[in-house]
Amino acid sequence: MRVFRDLTPSDKKTAAALGYFDGIHLGHKAVLNLALEAKSRGLVPTAFTFSSTPKSKDKNSQLLTYDEKVAMLENLGIEILYILDFEKLKDKSPESFVREIIKKVFNAGEVFCGFNYHFGKFGKGDTDTLKKLCKEENIGVRICNPVKLGDTVVCSTEIRNALKKGDIKKANALLGYDFGLKSTSVKGNHIGSKMNTPTINLRFADGIILPKFGVYASKVTIDDTEYIGVTNIGIKPTVGDRNLPNCETWLPEYSGGDLYGKTIDVRLKEFIRPEKKFDNLDELKKEIQKNGKTAVEILSIEN
């Protein structure tokens, strides 16, 4: 995949998918698939997204890291990716955005977007505006209808709301993949080791949304091997760790060696209980083991 972080014009005619694509969820994939299908018409599947978060958005609102977004787009089959700075484009009128960006930079033969797409200064341009302006430039436009899961329209707001409520099953269903994080394991306070329940500690990337604090059944991948995990998201109130929110995972069935410094992938599968404070470490240990048993039961049934 060719990645452009500036306004370098494409030397090939493109089919451009337009959107923020902050989650690459089922709704986003429907738009991207339209661009991919246009390859059969001789157009290069292309996506346009932003390298920066609009200031109007909540700081911790991202569903994917920058690198995860790029990797997912490439895996889907996108061949050209434009990642541009929102702040540098936000003041362009809808007319200049179509003429200067869509036509001259993307070299678009066709463009695709969701039903609720807005563009241009103050978001004044909508799908009707896009159709009108692109028609003047002889650029085809196709608007993707809402993607529904049951009665729910798939969108990033619904996914964020589900995550904040701890409804991880709904969030995963709307995403089309399991929410979680992939990071390097860091050293913790060794409380888990003292209780014979050593844990993996991961830090959330800046800007990533935090799901409801509590304990989750999780799937954990280490060196291409998958394990069942019990993951606590929060600030560990029992042991007084009130620093940045942490993702701490115990693997009930793991008997290998030290995992510090390894790249670990944790995917949340089901909410078990809210985070709570225990009177002592013995109570905490019993609860961790109980949660581990619950996680194994949940995910063994799933398999």
C-alpha atoms as a PDB file:
ATOM      1  CA  MET A   1       0.000   0.000   0.000  1.00  0.00           C
ATOM      2  CA  ARG A   2       1.262   3.460  -0.918  1.00  0.00           C
ATOM      3  CA  VAL A   3       0.800   5.979   1.878  1.00  0.00           C
ATOM      4  CA  PHE A   4       0.742   9.732   1.270  1.00  0.00           C
ATOM      5  CA  ARG A   5       0.907  12.168   4.176  1.00  0.00           C
ATOM      6  CA  ASP A   6       0.831  15.233   1.978  1.00  0.00           C
ATOM      7  CA  LEU A   7      -1.000  16.529  -1.092  1.00  0.00           C
ATOM      8  CA  THR A   8       1.010  14.558  -3.636  1.00  0.00           C
ATOM      9  CA  PRO A   9      -1.354  13.975  -6.589  1.00  0.00           C
ATOM     10  CA  SER A  10      -2.098  10.369  -7.447  1.00  0.00           C
ATOM     11  CA  ASP A  11      -0.711   9.343 -10.824  1.00  0.00           C
ATOM     12  CA  LYS A  12      -3.481   6.774 -11.152  1.00  0.00           C
ATOM     13  CA  LYS A  13      -7.236   7.170 -11.373  1.00  0.00           C
ATOM     14  CA  THR A  14      -8.706   6.212  -8.009  1.00  0.00           C
ATOM     15  CA  ALA A  15     -11.861   4.993  -6.332  1.00  0.00           C
ATOM     16  CA  ALA A  16     -11.715   7.021  -3.126  1.00  0.00           C
ATOM     17  CA  ALA A  17     -13.445   6.038   0.113  1.00  0.00           C
ATOM     18  CA  LEU A  18     -13.993   9.150   2.226  1.00  0.00           C
ATOM     19  CA  GLY A  19     -14.316   9.104   6.008  1.00  0.00           C
ATOM     20  CA  TYR A  20     -12.613   9.364   9.351  1.00  0.00           C
ATOM     21  CA  PHE A  21     -12.544   5.554   9.636  1.00  0.00           C
ATOM     22  CA  ASP A  22     -11.751   5.718  13.344  1.00  0.00           C
ATOM     23  CA  GLY A  23     -12.822   2.137  13.985  1.00  0.00           C
ATOM     24  CA  ILE A  24     -12.862   0.323  10.626  1.00  0.00           C
ATOM     25  CA  HIS A  25     -16.150  -1.121  11.892  1.00  0.00           C
ATOM     26  CA  LEU A  26     -18.846  -2.850   9.825  1.00  0.00           C
ATOM     27  CA  GLY A  27     -20.208   0.468   8.562  1.00  0.00           C
ATOM     28  CA  HIS A  28     -16.763   1.664   7.508  1.00  0.00           C
ATOM     29  CA  LYS A  29     -16.050  -1.652   5.797  1.00  0.00           C
ATOM     30  CA  ALA A  30     -19.208  -1.302   3.718  1.00  0.00           C
ATOM     31  CA  VAL A  31     -17.888   2.021   2.351  1.00  0.00           C
ATOM     32  CA  LEU A  32     -14.382   0.653   1.833  1.00  0.00           C
ATOM     33  CA  ASN A  33     -15.744  -2.413   0.038  1.00  0.00           C
ATOM     34  CA  LEU A  34     -17.372  -0.143  -2.547  1.00  0.00           C
ATOM     35  CA  ALA A  35     -13.939   1.301  -3.326  1.00  0.00           C
ATOM     36  CA  LEU A  36     -12.442  -2.179  -3.489  1.00  0.00           C
ATOM     37  CA  GLU A  37     -15.122  -3.340  -5.927  1.00  0.00           C
ATOM     38  CA  ALA A  38     -14.273  -0.422  -8.232  1.00  0.00           C
ATOM     39  CA  LYS A  39     -10.939  -2.090  -8.981  1.00  0.00           C
ATOM     40  CA  SER A  40     -12.828  -4.199 -11.514  1.00  0.00           C
ATOM     41  CA  ARG A  41     -13.580  -0.936 -13.346  1.00  0.00           C
ATOM     42  CA  GLY A  42      -9.901  -0.019 -13.583  1.00  0.00           C
ATOM     43  CA  LEU A  43      -9.761   2.285 -10.552  1.00  0.00           C
ATOM     44  CA  VAL A  44      -7.244   1.992  -7.714  1.00  0.00           C
ATOM     45  CA  PRO A  45      -8.904   1.355  -4.299  1.00  0.00           C
ATOM     46  CA  THR A  46      -8.015   4.383  -2.175  1.00  0.00           C
ATOM     47  CA  ALA A  47      -8.916   5.630   1.297  1.00  0.00           C
ATOM     48  CA  PHE A  48      -8.747   9.108   2.776  1.00  0.00           C
ATOM     49  CA  THR A  49      -8.475   9.637   6.520  1.00  0.00           C
ATOM     50  CA  PHE A  50      -6.926  12.014   9.039  1.00  0.00           C
ATOM     51  CA  SER A  51      -3.637  11.846  10.904  1.00  0.00           C
ATOM     52  CA  SER A  52      -4.991  14.005  13.724  1.00  0.00           C
ATOM     53  CA  THR A  53      -8.132  13.957  15.828  1.00  0.00           C
ATOM     54  CA  PRO A  54     -10.564  16.837  15.289  1.00  0.00           C
ATOM     55  CA  LYS A  55     -10.406  19.084  18.359  1.00  0.00           C
ATOM     56  CA  SER A  56     -14.161  18.762  18.793  1.00  0.00           C
ATOM     57  CA  LYS A  57     -13.792  15.086  19.643  1.00  0.00           C
ATOM     58  CA  ASP A  58     -13.187  13.731  23.132  1.00  0.00           C
ATOM     59  CA  LYS A  59      -9.468  13.204  23.763  1.00  0.00           C
ATOM     60  CA  ASN A  60      -9.874   9.517  24.627  1.00  0.00           C
ATOM     61  CA  SER A  61     -12.290   8.534  21.873  1.00  0.00           C
ATOM     62  CA  GLN A  62     -10.260   6.519  19.383  1.00  0.00           C
ATOM     63  CA  LEU A  63     -11.196   2.894  18.720  1.00  0.00           C
ATOM     64  CA  LEU A  64      -7.902   2.094  16.984  1.00  0.00           C
ATOM     65  CA  THR A  65      -4.366   3.380  17.140  1.00  0.00           C
ATOM     66  CA  TYR A  66      -2.914   5.078  14.071  1.00  0.00           C
ATOM     67  CA  ASP A  67      -0.799   1.996  13.249  1.00  0.00           C
ATOM     68  CA  GLU A  68      -3.735  -0.380  13.702  1.00  0.00           C
ATOM     69  CA  LYS A  69      -5.867   1.686  11.350  1.00  0.00           C
ATOM     70  CA  VAL A  70      -3.187   1.678   8.647  1.00  0.00           C
ATOM     71  CA  ALA A  71      -2.614  -2.079   8.997  1.00  0.00           C
ATOM     72  CA  MET A  72      -6.333  -2.869   8.781  1.00  0.00           C
ATOM     73  CA  LEU A  73      -6.794  -0.741   5.678  1.00  0.00           C
ATOM     74  CA  GLU A  74      -3.885  -2.480   3.982  1.00  0.00           C
ATOM     75  CA  ASN A  75      -5.191  -5.922   4.968  1.00  0.00           C
ATOM     76  CA  LEU A  76      -8.571  -5.070   3.454  1.00  0.00           C
ATOM     77  CA  GLY A  77      -6.894  -4.397   0.116  1.00  0.00           C
ATOM     78  CA  ILE A  78      -6.674  -0.604  -0.005  1.00  0.00           C
ATOM     79  CA  GLU A  79      -3.789   0.257  -2.346  1.00  0.00           C
ATOM     80  CA  ILE A  80      -3.418   4.005  -1.780  1.00  0.00           C
ATOM     81  CA  LEU A  81      -3.955   5.754   1.540  1.00  0.00           C
ATOM     82  CA  TYR A  82      -4.043   9.508   2.060  1.00  0.00           C
ATOM     83  CA  ILE A  83      -3.510  10.472   5.710  1.00  0.00           C
ATOM     84  CA  LEU A  84      -3.870  14.217   6.002  1.00  0.00           C
ATOM     85  CA  ASP A  85      -3.866  16.699   8.865  1.00  0.00           C
ATOM     86  CA  PHE A  86      -7.431  17.672   9.806  1.00  0.00           C
ATOM     87  CA  GLU A  87      -6.370  21.112  11.023  1.00  0.00           C
ATOM     88  CA  LYS A  88      -4.876  21.942   7.628  1.00  0.00           C
ATOM     89  CA  LEU A  89      -8.039  20.993   5.736  1.00  0.00           C
ATOM     90  CA  LYS A  90     -10.837  22.007   8.090  1.00  0.00           C
ATOM     91  CA  ASP A  91     -11.231  25.525   6.665  1.00  0.00           C
ATOM     92  CA  LYS A  92     -11.614  24.481   3.045  1.00  0.00           C
ATOM     93  CA  SER A  93     -15.042  25.092   1.550  1.00  0.00           C
ATOM     94  CA  PRO A  94     -16.908  22.067   0.166  1.00  0.00           C
ATOM     95  CA  GLU A  95     -16.276  23.411  -3.339  1.00  0.00           C
ATOM     96  CA  SER A  96     -12.514  23.733  -2.895  1.00  0.00           C
ATOM     97  CA  PHE A  97     -12.306  20.357  -1.167  1.00  0.00           C
ATOM     98  CA  VAL A  98     -13.888  18.660  -4.177  1.00  0.00           C
ATOM     99  CA  ARG A  99     -11.885  20.594  -6.766  1.00  0.00           C
ATOM    100  CA  GLU A 100      -8.511  20.717  -5.027  1.00  0.00           C
ATOM    101  CA  ILE A 101      -8.457  17.495  -3.030  1.00  0.00           C
ATOM    102  CA  ILE A 102     -10.857  14.957  -4.494  1.00  0.00           C
ATOM    103  CA  LYS A 103     -10.197  15.851  -8.143  1.00  0.00           C
ATOM    104  CA  LYS A 104      -6.613  17.110  -8.241  1.00  0.00           C
ATOM    105  CA  VAL A 105      -4.974  15.175  -5.395  1.00  0.00           C
ATOM    106  CA  PHE A 106      -6.944  11.933  -5.225  1.00  0.00           C
ATOM    107  CA  ASN A 107      -7.474  11.945  -9.012  1.00  0.00           C
ATOM    108  CA  ALA A 108     -10.784  10.297  -8.227  1.00  0.00           C
ATOM    109  CA  GLY A 109     -12.958   8.736 -10.881  1.00  0.00           C
ATOM    110  CA  GLU A 110     -15.456   7.686  -8.231  1.00  0.00           C
ATOM    111  CA  VAL A 111     -15.911   8.497  -4.550  1.00  0.00           C
ATOM    112  CA  PHE A 112     -17.753   6.657  -1.799  1.00  0.00           C
ATOM    113  CA  CYS A 113     -18.928   7.682   1.650  1.00  0.00           C
ATOM    114  CA  GLY A 114     -21.417   6.896   4.373  1.00  0.00           C
ATOM    115  CA  PHE A 115     -24.963   8.280   4.519  1.00  0.00           C
ATOM    116  CA  ASN A 116     -23.987  10.749   7.266  1.00  0.00           C
ATOM    117  CA  TYR A 117     -20.769  12.046   5.708  1.00  0.00           C
ATOM    118  CA  HIS A 118     -19.996  15.751   6.129  1.00  0.00           C
ATOM    119  CA  PHE A 119     -17.053  17.714   4.779  1.00  0.00           C
ATOM    120  CA  GLY A 120     -15.733  21.219   4.243  1.00  0.00           C
ATOM    121  CA  LYS A 121     -15.593  24.135   6.666  1.00  0.00           C
ATOM    122  CA  PHE A 122     -17.859  23.600   9.686  1.00  0.00           C
ATOM    123  CA  GLY A 123     -19.009  20.355   8.068  1.00  0.00           C
ATOM    124  CA  LYS A 124     -21.349  22.297   5.781  1.00  0.00           C
ATOM    125  CA  GLY A 125     -21.034  19.811   2.928  1.00  0.00           C
ATOM    126  CA  ASP A 126     -23.265  16.719   3.088  1.00  0.00           C
ATOM    127  CA  THR A 127     -23.937  13.851   0.699  1.00  0.00           C
ATOM    128  CA  ASP A 128     -26.216  15.966  -1.505  1.00  0.00           C
ATOM    129  CA  THR A 129     -23.491  18.618  -1.721  1.00  0.00           C
ATOM    130  CA  LEU A 130     -20.957  15.948  -2.626  1.00  0.00           C
ATOM    131  CA  LYS A 131     -23.152  14.570  -5.417  1.00  0.00           C
ATOM    132  CA  LYS A 132     -23.752  18.020  -6.886  1.00  0.00           C
ATOM    133  CA  LEU A 133     -20.118  19.153  -6.802  1.00  0.00           C
ATOM    134  CA  CYS A 134     -18.702  15.858  -8.068  1.00  0.00           C
ATOM    135  CA  LYS A 135     -21.208  15.753 -10.924  1.00  0.00           C
ATOM    136  CA  GLU A 136     -19.793  19.112 -12.079  1.00  0.00           C
ATOM    137  CA  GLU A 137     -16.328  17.511 -12.144  1.00  0.00           C
ATOM    138  CA  ASN A 138     -17.515  14.290 -13.834  1.00  0.00           C
ATOM    139  CA  ILE A 139     -16.754  12.218 -10.720  1.00  0.00           C
ATOM    140  CA  GLY A 140     -19.107   9.400  -9.822  1.00  0.00           C
ATOM    141  CA  VAL A 141     -20.547   9.282  -6.308  1.00  0.00           C
ATOM    142  CA  ARG A 142     -22.081   6.406  -4.397  1.00  0.00           C
ATOM    143  CA  ILE A 143     -23.522   6.816  -0.919  1.00  0.00           C
ATOM    144  CA  CYS A 144     -23.468   3.762   1.331  1.00  0.00           C
ATOM    145  CA  ASN A 145     -26.750   3.025   3.095  1.00  0.00           C
ATOM    146  CA  PRO A 146     -26.747   2.565   6.887  1.00  0.00           C
ATOM    147  CA  VAL A 147     -25.467  -0.814   8.026  1.00  0.00           C
ATOM    148  CA  LYS A 148     -27.678  -2.286  10.717  1.00  0.00           C
ATOM    149  CA  LEU A 149     -27.169  -5.006  13.279  1.00  0.00           C
ATOM    150  CA  GLY A 150     -30.658  -5.801  14.454  1.00  0.00           C
ATOM    151  CA  ASP A 151     -32.254  -2.414  15.122  1.00  0.00           C
ATOM    152  CA  THR A 152     -28.914  -0.678  15.713  1.00  0.00           C
ATOM    153  CA  VAL A 153     -27.272   1.441  13.032  1.00  0.00           C
ATOM    154  CA  VAL A 154     -23.557   0.641  13.105  1.00  0.00           C
ATOM    155  CA  CYS A 155     -21.580   3.755  13.957  1.00  0.00           C
ATOM    156  CA  SER A 156     -18.640   4.758  16.132  1.00  0.00           C
ATOM    157  CA  THR A 157     -20.878   6.518  18.660  1.00  0.00           C
ATOM    158  CA  GLU A 158     -22.858   3.330  19.332  1.00  0.00           C
ATOM    159  CA  ILE A 159     -19.616   1.407  19.773  1.00  0.00           C
ATOM    160  CA  ARG A 160     -18.178   3.975  22.179  1.00  0.00           C
ATOM    161  CA  ASN A 161     -21.381   3.959  24.222  1.00  0.00           C
ATOM    162  CA  ALA A 162     -21.323   0.158  24.411  1.00  0.00           C
ATOM    163  CA  LEU A 163     -17.697   0.162  25.568  1.00  0.00           C
ATOM    164  CA  LYS A 164     -18.394   2.755  28.257  1.00  0.00           C
ATOM    165  CA  LYS A 165     -21.251   0.588  29.551  1.00  0.00           C
ATOM    166  CA  GLY A 166     -19.142  -2.579  29.540  1.00  0.00           C
ATOM    167  CA  ASP A 167     -21.305  -4.123  26.833  1.00  0.00           C
ATOM    168  CA  ILE A 168     -18.308  -5.634  25.111  1.00  0.00           C
ATOM    169  CA  LYS A 169     -20.366  -8.192  23.200  1.00  0.00           C
ATOM    170  CA  LYS A 170     -22.356  -5.441  21.484  1.00  0.00           C
ATOM    171  CA  ALA A 171     -19.225  -3.394  20.791  1.00  0.00           C
ATOM    172  CA  ASN A 172     -17.462  -6.394  19.237  1.00  0.00           C
ATOM    173  CA  ALA A 173     -20.494  -7.250  17.115  1.00  0.00           C
ATOM    174  CA  LEU A 174     -20.681  -3.704  15.734  1.00  0.00           C
ATOM    175  CA  LEU A 175     -16.932  -3.546  15.144  1.00  0.00           C
ATOM    176  CA  GLY A 176     -16.815  -6.901  13.381  1.00  0.00           C
ATOM    177  CA  TYR A 177     -13.769  -7.820  15.448  1.00  0.00           C
ATOM    178  CA  ASP A 178     -12.870  -7.952  19.146  1.00  0.00           C
ATOM    179  CA  PHE A 179     -11.912  -4.731  20.897  1.00  0.00           C
ATOM    180  CA  GLY A 180      -8.646  -4.773  22.831  1.00  0.00           C
ATOM    181  CA  LEU A 181      -5.062  -3.682  22.651  1.00  0.00           C
ATOM    182  CA  LYS A 182      -1.725  -4.933  21.441  1.00  0.00           C
ATOM    183  CA  SER A 183       1.292  -3.649  23.305  1.00  0.00           C
ATOM    184  CA  THR A 184       4.547  -4.500  25.034  1.00  0.00           C
ATOM    185  CA  SER A 185       4.208  -6.009  28.491  1.00  0.00           C
ATOM    186  CA  VAL A 186       5.618  -3.739  31.206  1.00  0.00           C
ATOM    187  CA  LYS A 187       6.615  -4.398  34.792  1.00  0.00           C
ATOM    188  CA  GLY A 188       3.903  -4.000  37.412  1.00  0.00           C
ATOM    189  CA  ASN A 189       4.052  -3.932  41.215  1.00  0.00           C
ATOM    190  CA  HIS A 190       4.495  -7.742  41.489  1.00  0.00           C
ATOM    191  CA  ILE A 191       1.431  -8.090  43.735  1.00  0.00           C
ATOM    192  CA  GLY A 192       0.070 -10.778  41.396  1.00  0.00           C
ATOM    193  CA  SER A 193       3.258 -12.813  41.661  1.00  0.00           C
ATOM    194  CA  LYS A 194       3.075 -12.709  45.460  1.00  0.00           C
ATOM    195  CA  MET A 195      -0.445 -14.168  45.253  1.00  0.00           C
ATOM    196  CA  ASN A 196       0.664 -16.839  42.756  1.00  0.00           C
ATOM    197  CA  THR A 197      -1.382 -15.108  40.056  1.00  0.00           C
ATOM    198  CA  PRO A 198       1.308 -13.307  38.015  1.00  0.00           C
ATOM    199  CA  THR A 199      -0.153 -10.832  35.565  1.00  0.00           C
ATOM    200  CA  ILE A 200       0.609  -9.151  32.260  1.00  0.00           C
ATOM    201  CA  ASN A 201       0.514  -5.351  32.400  1.00  0.00           C
ATOM    202  CA  LEU A 202      -0.228  -3.323  29.281  1.00  0.00           C
ATOM    203  CA  ARG A 203      -0.705   0.419  28.848  1.00  0.00           C
ATOM    204  CA  PHE A 204      -3.378   1.964  26.650  1.00  0.00           C
ATOM    205  CA  ALA A 205      -2.075   4.140  23.847  1.00  0.00           C
ATOM    206  CA  ASP A 206      -2.792   7.857  24.091  1.00  0.00           C
ATOM    207  CA  GLY A 207      -6.219   8.760  22.761  1.00  0.00           C
ATOM    208  CA  ILE A 208      -7.677   5.252  22.887  1.00  0.00           C
ATOM    209  CA  ILE A 209     -11.106   4.952  24.475  1.00  0.00           C
ATOM    210  CA  LEU A 210     -11.199   3.218  27.855  1.00  0.00           C
ATOM    211  CA  PRO A 211     -13.941   0.614  28.277  1.00  0.00           C
ATOM    212  CA  LYS A 212     -15.906   0.422  31.523  1.00  0.00           C
ATOM    213  CA  PHE A 213     -13.566  -0.347  34.411  1.00  0.00           C
ATOM    214  CA  GLY A 214     -13.932  -3.916  35.552  1.00  0.00           C
ATOM    215  CA  VAL A 215     -13.022  -7.521  34.852  1.00  0.00           C
ATOM    216  CA  TYR A 216     -13.409  -9.187  31.462  1.00  0.00           C
ATOM    217  CA  ALA A 217     -12.983 -12.658  30.030  1.00  0.00           C
ATOM    218  CA  SER A 218     -10.364 -12.218  27.314  1.00  0.00           C
ATOM    219  CA  LYS A 219      -8.436 -13.994  24.580  1.00  0.00           C
ATOM    220  CA  VAL A 220      -4.695 -13.370  24.755  1.00  0.00           C
ATOM    221  CA  THR A 221      -2.222 -14.048  21.960  1.00  0.00           C
ATOM    222  CA  ILE A 222       1.481 -14.512  22.731  1.00  0.00           C
ATOM    223  CA  ASP A 223       3.904 -15.657  20.020  1.00  0.00           C
ATOM    224  CA  ASP A 224       0.984 -16.854  17.852  1.00  0.00           C
ATOM    225  CA  THR A 225      -0.427 -18.981  20.692  1.00  0.00           C
ATOM    226  CA  GLU A 226      -3.840 -18.100  22.134  1.00  0.00           C
ATOM    227  CA  TYR A 227      -4.691 -18.312  25.829  1.00  0.00           C
ATOM    228  CA  ILE A 228      -7.755 -17.641  27.939  1.00  0.00           C
ATOM    229  CA  GLY A 229      -7.305 -14.591  30.144  1.00  0.00           C
ATOM    230  CA  VAL A 230      -9.054 -12.686  32.891  1.00  0.00           C
ATOM    231  CA  THR A 231      -8.402  -8.992  32.323  1.00  0.00           C
ATOM    232  CA  ASN A 232      -8.874  -6.103  34.722  1.00  0.00           C
ATOM    233  CA  ILE A 233      -9.279  -2.655  33.204  1.00  0.00           C
ATOM    234  CA  GLY A 234      -8.889   0.133  35.750  1.00  0.00           C
ATOM    235  CA  ILE A 235      -6.741   1.550  38.516  1.00  0.00           C
ATOM    236  CA  LYS A 236      -6.442  -1.485  40.854  1.00  0.00           C
ATOM    237  CA  PRO A 237      -8.048   0.115  43.949  1.00  0.00           C
ATOM    238  CA  THR A 238      -7.147  -2.735  46.335  1.00  0.00           C
ATOM    239  CA  VAL A 239      -3.392  -2.300  45.934  1.00  0.00           C
ATOM    240  CA  GLY A 240      -3.472   1.481  45.751  1.00  0.00           C
ATOM    241  CA  ASP A 241      -2.284   1.872  42.168  1.00  0.00           C
ATOM    242  CA  ARG A 242      -4.016   5.082  41.098  1.00  0.00           C
ATOM    243  CA  ASN A 243      -1.775   5.976  38.223  1.00  0.00           C
ATOM    244  CA  LEU A 244      -2.866   5.803  34.607  1.00  0.00           C
ATOM    245  CA  PRO A 245      -5.541   3.192  33.810  1.00  0.00           C
ATOM    246  CA  ASN A 246      -4.003  -0.203  33.299  1.00  0.00           C
ATOM    247  CA  CYS A 247      -4.869  -3.390  31.456  1.00  0.00           C
ATOM    248  CA  GLU A 248      -3.825  -6.243  33.730  1.00  0.00           C
ATOM    249  CA  THR A 249      -4.328  -9.853  32.651  1.00  0.00           C
ATOM    250  CA  TRP A 250      -3.902 -13.178  34.417  1.00  0.00           C
ATOM    251  CA  LEU A 251      -3.657 -16.352  32.333  1.00  0.00           C
ATOM    252  CA  PRO A 252      -5.201 -19.190  34.401  1.00  0.00           C
ATOM    253  CA  GLU A 253      -3.844 -21.893  32.112  1.00  0.00           C
ATOM    254  CA  TYR A 254      -0.412 -20.430  31.305  1.00  0.00           C
ATOM    255  CA  SER A 255       2.660 -22.058  32.835  1.00  0.00           C
ATOM    256  CA  GLY A 256       5.439 -20.538  30.733  1.00  0.00           C
ATOM    257  CA  GLY A 257       8.167 -18.100  31.646  1.00  0.00           C
ATOM    258  CA  ASP A 258       8.520 -14.372  32.158  1.00  0.00           C
ATOM    259  CA  LEU A 259       6.526 -12.273  29.665  1.00  0.00           C
ATOM    260  CA  TYR A 260       8.051  -8.832  30.359  1.00  0.00           C
ATOM    261  CA  GLY A 261       8.986  -7.072  27.143  1.00  0.00           C
ATOM    262  CA  LYS A 262       6.922  -9.354  24.922  1.00  0.00           C
ATOM    263  CA  THR A 263       4.296  -8.082  22.510  1.00  0.00           C
ATOM    264  CA  ILE A 264       0.930  -9.207  23.856  1.00  0.00           C
ATOM    265  CA  ASP A 265      -2.463  -8.999  22.158  1.00  0.00           C
ATOM    266  CA  VAL A 266      -5.463  -8.884  24.520  1.00  0.00           C
ATOM    267  CA  ARG A 267      -9.020  -9.034  23.151  1.00  0.00           C
ATOM    268  CA  LEU A 268     -11.968  -8.474  25.474  1.00  0.00           C
ATOM    269  CA  LYS A 269     -14.781 -10.998  25.075  1.00  0.00           C
ATOM    270  CA  GLU A 270     -17.246 -10.695  27.962  1.00  0.00           C
ATOM    271  CA  PHE A 271     -17.758  -8.426  30.969  1.00  0.00           C
ATOM    272  CA  ILE A 272     -17.606 -10.351  34.259  1.00  0.00           C
ATOM    273  CA  ARG A 273     -17.923  -7.718  36.991  1.00  0.00           C
ATOM    274  CA  PRO A 274     -17.223  -4.041  37.801  1.00  0.00           C
ATOM    275  CA  GLU A 275     -13.923  -3.060  39.405  1.00  0.00           C
ATOM    276  CA  LYS A 276     -14.097  -3.065  43.201  1.00  0.00           C
ATOM    277  CA  LYS A 277     -11.878  -2.746  46.241  1.00  0.00           C
ATOM    278  CA  PHE A 278     -11.183  -5.711  48.531  1.00  0.00           C
ATOM    279  CA  ASP A 279     -10.299  -5.578  52.227  1.00  0.00           C
ATOM    280  CA  ASN A 280      -7.106  -7.607  51.857  1.00  0.00           C
ATOM    281  CA  LEU A 281      -4.959  -9.544  49.403  1.00  0.00           C
ATOM    282  CA  ASP A 282      -6.432 -12.909  50.412  1.00  0.00           C
ATOM    283  CA  GLU A 283      -9.867 -11.748  49.314  1.00  0.00           C
ATOM    284  CA  LEU A 284      -8.403 -10.320  46.126  1.00  0.00           C
ATOM    285  CA  LYS A 285      -6.620 -13.600  45.351  1.00  0.00           C
ATOM    286  CA  LYS A 286      -9.820 -15.624  45.851  1.00  0.00           C
ATOM    287  CA  GLU A 287     -11.711 -13.244  43.569  1.00  0.00           C
ATOM    288  CA  ILE A 288      -9.036 -13.387  40.858  1.00  0.00           C
ATOM    289  CA  GLN A 289      -9.110 -17.186  40.900  1.00  0.00           C
ATOM    290  CA  LYS A 290     -12.906 -17.155  40.833  1.00  0.00           C
ATOM    291  CA  ASN A 291     -12.881 -14.764  37.877  1.00  0.00           C
ATOM    292  CA  GLY A 292     -10.291 -16.939  36.141  1.00  0.00           C
ATOM    293  CA  LYS A 293     -12.573 -19.963  36.492  1.00  0.00           C
ATOM    294  CA  THR A 294     -15.469 -17.928  35.125  1.00  0.00           C
ATOM    295  CA  ALA A 295     -13.406 -16.774  32.140  1.00  0.00           C
ATOM    296  CA  VAL A 296     -12.365 -20.345  31.334  1.00  0.00           C
ATOM    297  CA  GLU A 297     -15.984 -21.506  31.520  1.00  0.00           C
ATOM    298  CA  ILE A 298     -17.206 -18.663  29.299  1.00  0.00           C
ATOM    299  CA  LEU A 299     -14.573 -19.032  26.620  1.00  0.00           C
ATOM    300  CA  SER A 300     -14.471 -22.825  26.668  1.00  0.00           C
ATOM    301  CA  ILE A 301     -18.188 -22.814  25.859  1.00  0.00           C
ATOM    302  CA  GLU A 302     -17.572 -20.254  23.105  1.00  0.00           C
ATOM    303  CA  ASN A 303     -15.033 -22.547  21.492  1.00  0.00           C
END
